[in-house]
N, C-alpha and C. Protein backbone atom coordinates (compact mmCIF):
# COMPACT_ATOMS: atom_id res chain seq x y z
N UNK A 1 -94.46 -152.74 266.31
CA UNK A 1 -93.66 -151.61 266.68
C UNK A 1 -93.03 -150.96 265.45
N UNK A 2 -92.62 -151.79 264.48
CA UNK A 2 -92.00 -151.26 263.27
C UNK A 2 -93.01 -150.49 262.43
N UNK A 3 -94.25 -150.94 262.45
CA UNK A 3 -95.30 -150.25 261.68
C UNK A 3 -95.56 -148.87 262.28
N UNK A 4 -95.57 -148.78 263.59
CA UNK A 4 -95.79 -147.50 264.27
C UNK A 4 -94.66 -146.52 263.97
N UNK A 5 -93.42 -146.99 264.02
CA UNK A 5 -92.30 -146.08 263.76
C UNK A 5 -92.27 -145.66 262.30
N UNK A 6 -92.67 -146.53 261.38
CA UNK A 6 -92.70 -146.13 259.97
C UNK A 6 -93.81 -145.12 259.72
N UNK A 7 -94.93 -145.25 260.45
CA UNK A 7 -96.02 -144.27 260.31
C UNK A 7 -95.60 -142.91 260.85
N UNK A 8 -94.91 -142.92 261.98
CA UNK A 8 -94.43 -141.66 262.56
C UNK A 8 -93.41 -141.03 261.64
N UNK A 9 -92.52 -141.84 261.09
CA UNK A 9 -91.52 -141.32 260.15
C UNK A 9 -92.19 -140.73 258.92
N UNK A 10 -93.21 -141.40 258.41
CA UNK A 10 -93.94 -140.87 257.25
C UNK A 10 -94.60 -139.54 257.58
N UNK A 11 -95.19 -139.43 258.78
CA UNK A 11 -95.82 -138.17 259.18
C UNK A 11 -94.79 -137.06 259.31
N UNK A 12 -93.63 -137.35 259.84
CA UNK A 12 -92.57 -136.35 259.99
C UNK A 12 -92.09 -135.90 258.62
N UNK A 13 -91.92 -136.84 257.70
CA UNK A 13 -91.48 -136.48 256.35
C UNK A 13 -92.54 -135.62 255.66
N UNK A 14 -93.79 -135.98 255.79
CA UNK A 14 -94.86 -135.20 255.16
C UNK A 14 -94.94 -133.80 255.76
N UNK A 15 -94.78 -133.69 257.07
CA UNK A 15 -94.81 -132.37 257.71
C UNK A 15 -93.63 -131.52 257.26
N UNK A 16 -92.46 -132.16 257.11
CA UNK A 16 -91.27 -131.44 256.64
C UNK A 16 -91.46 -130.94 255.22
N UNK A 17 -92.00 -131.79 254.36
CA UNK A 17 -92.25 -131.38 252.98
C UNK A 17 -93.25 -130.24 252.92
N UNK A 18 -94.29 -130.31 253.73
CA UNK A 18 -95.28 -129.25 253.77
C UNK A 18 -94.63 -127.94 254.19
N UNK A 19 -93.76 -127.99 255.20
CA UNK A 19 -93.07 -126.79 255.67
C UNK A 19 -92.16 -126.22 254.58
N UNK A 20 -91.41 -127.08 253.89
CA UNK A 20 -90.54 -126.62 252.81
C UNK A 20 -91.33 -125.99 251.68
N UNK A 21 -92.49 -126.56 251.37
CA UNK A 21 -93.33 -126.00 250.32
C UNK A 21 -93.84 -124.62 250.73
N UNK A 22 -94.28 -124.48 251.99
CA UNK A 22 -94.75 -123.19 252.48
C UNK A 22 -93.65 -122.14 252.45
N UNK A 23 -92.44 -122.51 252.87
CA UNK A 23 -91.32 -121.57 252.84
C UNK A 23 -90.99 -121.19 251.40
N UNK A 24 -91.04 -122.15 250.49
CA UNK A 24 -90.78 -121.86 249.07
C UNK A 24 -91.79 -120.91 248.49
N UNK A 25 -93.06 -121.09 248.84
CA UNK A 25 -94.11 -120.20 248.34
C UNK A 25 -93.90 -118.78 248.89
N UNK A 26 -93.57 -118.67 250.17
CA UNK A 26 -93.31 -117.35 250.75
C UNK A 26 -92.12 -116.67 250.08
N UNK A 27 -91.07 -117.45 249.81
CA UNK A 27 -89.90 -116.90 249.15
C UNK A 27 -90.25 -116.39 247.74
N UNK A 28 -91.03 -117.16 247.00
CA UNK A 28 -91.44 -116.72 245.67
C UNK A 28 -92.29 -115.46 245.73
N UNK A 29 -93.17 -115.39 246.71
CA UNK A 29 -93.99 -114.18 246.86
C UNK A 29 -93.12 -112.96 247.17
N UNK A 30 -92.09 -113.15 247.96
CA UNK A 30 -91.19 -112.04 248.25
C UNK A 30 -90.42 -111.61 247.00
N UNK A 31 -90.02 -112.57 246.17
CA UNK A 31 -89.33 -112.23 244.93
C UNK A 31 -90.24 -111.47 243.98
N UNK A 32 -91.49 -111.86 243.92
CA UNK A 32 -92.43 -111.19 243.03
C UNK A 32 -92.69 -109.77 243.52
N UNK A 33 -92.66 -109.56 244.83
CA UNK A 33 -92.99 -108.27 245.44
C UNK A 33 -91.78 -107.35 245.54
N UNK A 34 -90.85 -107.42 244.60
CA UNK A 34 -89.66 -106.58 244.65
C UNK A 34 -89.99 -105.12 244.39
N UNK A 35 -90.96 -104.84 243.51
CA UNK A 35 -91.31 -103.46 243.23
C UNK A 35 -92.22 -102.93 244.32
N UNK A 36 -92.09 -101.66 244.61
CA UNK A 36 -92.95 -101.05 245.61
C UNK A 36 -93.88 -100.06 244.92
N UNK A 37 -94.99 -99.79 245.55
CA UNK A 37 -95.98 -98.90 244.95
C UNK A 37 -95.55 -97.44 245.08
N UNK A 38 -96.26 -96.58 244.37
CA UNK A 38 -95.99 -95.14 244.42
C UNK A 38 -96.18 -94.62 245.84
N UNK A 39 -97.23 -95.10 246.52
CA UNK A 39 -97.48 -94.64 247.89
C UNK A 39 -96.32 -95.00 248.81
N UNK A 40 -95.78 -96.22 248.64
CA UNK A 40 -94.66 -96.64 249.46
C UNK A 40 -93.41 -95.82 249.14
N UNK A 41 -93.22 -95.48 247.87
CA UNK A 41 -92.08 -94.65 247.49
C UNK A 41 -92.20 -93.26 248.09
N UNK A 42 -93.42 -92.70 248.08
CA UNK A 42 -93.63 -91.38 248.66
C UNK A 42 -93.43 -91.39 250.17
N UNK A 43 -93.70 -92.53 250.80
CA UNK A 43 -93.47 -92.66 252.25
C UNK A 43 -92.00 -92.84 252.58
N UNK A 44 -91.16 -92.99 251.54
CA UNK A 44 -89.72 -93.12 251.76
C UNK A 44 -89.23 -94.54 251.90
N UNK A 45 -90.07 -95.50 251.57
CA UNK A 45 -89.67 -96.90 251.68
C UNK A 45 -88.70 -97.25 250.55
N UNK A 46 -87.65 -97.98 250.88
CA UNK A 46 -86.64 -98.38 249.91
C UNK A 46 -86.58 -99.90 249.89
N UNK A 47 -86.52 -100.49 248.69
CA UNK A 47 -86.47 -101.94 248.59
C UNK A 47 -85.07 -102.45 248.85
N UNK A 48 -84.15 -102.14 248.02
CA UNK A 48 -82.77 -102.61 248.16
C UNK A 48 -81.84 -101.41 248.13
N UNK A 49 -81.17 -101.18 249.23
CA UNK A 49 -80.20 -100.10 249.27
C UNK A 49 -78.84 -100.61 248.81
N UNK A 50 -78.15 -99.80 248.04
CA UNK A 50 -76.80 -100.16 247.62
C UNK A 50 -75.83 -99.91 248.78
N UNK A 51 -74.62 -100.40 248.64
CA UNK A 51 -73.61 -100.19 249.68
C UNK A 51 -73.36 -98.70 249.87
N UNK A 52 -73.36 -97.95 248.76
CA UNK A 52 -73.16 -96.50 248.82
C UNK A 52 -74.28 -95.84 249.61
N UNK A 53 -75.54 -96.23 249.35
CA UNK A 53 -76.66 -95.65 250.07
C UNK A 53 -76.60 -95.97 251.56
N UNK A 54 -76.20 -97.19 251.91
CA UNK A 54 -76.08 -97.58 253.31
C UNK A 54 -75.01 -96.74 254.00
N UNK A 55 -73.85 -96.57 253.34
CA UNK A 55 -72.76 -95.79 253.93
C UNK A 55 -73.14 -94.32 254.09
N UNK A 56 -73.81 -93.77 253.09
CA UNK A 56 -74.20 -92.36 253.18
C UNK A 56 -75.22 -92.14 254.28
N UNK A 57 -76.17 -93.06 254.45
CA UNK A 57 -77.15 -92.90 255.52
C UNK A 57 -76.49 -93.08 256.89
N UNK A 58 -75.46 -93.92 256.98
CA UNK A 58 -74.73 -94.08 258.24
C UNK A 58 -73.99 -92.80 258.60
N UNK A 59 -73.53 -92.06 257.60
CA UNK A 59 -72.84 -90.79 257.84
C UNK A 59 -73.81 -89.63 258.01
N UNK A 60 -75.10 -89.88 257.79
CA UNK A 60 -76.10 -88.83 257.94
C UNK A 60 -76.23 -87.96 256.70
N UNK A 61 -75.78 -88.47 255.56
CA UNK A 61 -75.84 -87.72 254.30
C UNK A 61 -77.01 -88.22 253.50
N UNK A 62 -77.89 -87.31 253.08
CA UNK A 62 -79.02 -87.72 252.25
C UNK A 62 -78.65 -87.56 250.78
N UNK A 63 -79.10 -88.50 249.99
CA UNK A 63 -78.79 -88.51 248.56
C UNK A 63 -79.94 -87.86 247.82
N UNK A 64 -79.62 -86.92 246.93
CA UNK A 64 -80.63 -86.28 246.10
C UNK A 64 -80.37 -86.73 244.67
N UNK A 65 -81.31 -87.48 244.12
CA UNK A 65 -81.15 -87.99 242.75
C UNK A 65 -81.54 -86.93 241.74
N UNK A 66 -80.74 -86.78 240.71
CA UNK A 66 -81.05 -85.85 239.62
C UNK A 66 -82.04 -86.52 238.69
N UNK A 67 -83.14 -85.87 238.43
CA UNK A 67 -84.17 -86.47 237.58
C UNK A 67 -84.34 -85.73 236.25
N UNK A 68 -83.69 -84.60 236.09
CA UNK A 68 -83.83 -83.86 234.84
C UNK A 68 -82.45 -83.69 234.20
N UNK A 69 -82.39 -83.49 232.89
CA UNK A 69 -81.09 -83.27 232.24
C UNK A 69 -80.36 -82.04 232.77
N UNK A 70 -81.12 -81.01 233.16
CA UNK A 70 -80.50 -79.80 233.67
C UNK A 70 -79.77 -80.06 234.99
N UNK A 71 -80.27 -80.99 235.77
CA UNK A 71 -79.66 -81.29 237.06
C UNK A 71 -78.46 -82.22 236.93
N UNK A 72 -78.32 -82.87 235.78
CA UNK A 72 -77.24 -83.83 235.61
C UNK A 72 -75.97 -83.21 235.06
N UNK A 73 -76.04 -82.00 234.58
CA UNK A 73 -74.89 -81.22 234.16
C UNK A 73 -73.79 -81.94 233.41
N UNK A 74 -72.80 -82.43 234.12
CA UNK A 74 -71.58 -82.96 233.54
C UNK A 74 -71.83 -84.12 232.57
N UNK A 75 -72.66 -85.07 232.96
CA UNK A 75 -72.89 -86.22 232.08
C UNK A 75 -73.69 -85.82 230.85
N UNK A 76 -74.59 -84.86 230.99
CA UNK A 76 -75.36 -84.40 229.83
C UNK A 76 -74.46 -83.65 228.85
N UNK A 77 -73.49 -82.90 229.34
CA UNK A 77 -72.54 -82.24 228.44
C UNK A 77 -71.73 -83.28 227.67
N UNK A 78 -71.36 -84.37 228.36
CA UNK A 78 -70.61 -85.44 227.69
C UNK A 78 -71.44 -86.07 226.58
N UNK A 79 -72.73 -86.38 226.87
CA UNK A 79 -73.59 -86.95 225.84
C UNK A 79 -73.79 -85.97 224.69
N UNK A 80 -73.88 -84.69 224.99
CA UNK A 80 -74.01 -83.69 223.93
C UNK A 80 -72.76 -83.68 223.05
N UNK A 81 -71.58 -83.83 223.66
CA UNK A 81 -70.33 -83.90 222.89
C UNK A 81 -70.34 -85.12 221.97
N UNK A 82 -70.79 -86.26 222.48
CA UNK A 82 -70.87 -87.46 221.65
C UNK A 82 -71.84 -87.28 220.49
N UNK A 83 -72.96 -86.60 220.78
CA UNK A 83 -73.99 -86.45 219.77
C UNK A 83 -73.56 -85.47 218.67
N UNK A 84 -73.00 -84.34 219.04
CA UNK A 84 -72.65 -83.31 218.05
C UNK A 84 -71.24 -83.47 217.50
N UNK A 85 -70.41 -84.16 218.24
CA UNK A 85 -69.02 -84.30 217.83
C UNK A 85 -68.21 -83.11 218.34
N UNK A 86 -66.93 -83.34 218.48
CA UNK A 86 -66.10 -82.26 219.01
C UNK A 86 -65.13 -81.74 217.94
N UNK A 87 -65.59 -81.77 216.68
CA UNK A 87 -64.73 -81.27 215.59
C UNK A 87 -64.70 -79.75 215.61
N UNK A 88 -63.52 -79.22 215.51
CA UNK A 88 -63.38 -77.77 215.42
C UNK A 88 -62.67 -77.44 214.11
N UNK A 89 -63.13 -76.40 213.44
CA UNK A 89 -62.54 -76.01 212.16
C UNK A 89 -61.45 -75.03 212.33
């Protein structure tokens, strides 16, 4: 009887280890797959939304990201000030 219970226990342990290994592999694959393809980006898929993005979407506000220096206005003027200096004669 003891041999049978030790065999069953061994099988349960092996099955548990197999399950943990499978879950670990899936988790690693999800970590590797953090970047999304261009097609997924064009479809509007988002990987990780920030708290700000979640709140804005809850309010029905869409966020438009500035991608050019002309669209960034204020911050680009600040960088220009740092680059040229603000010395006046």
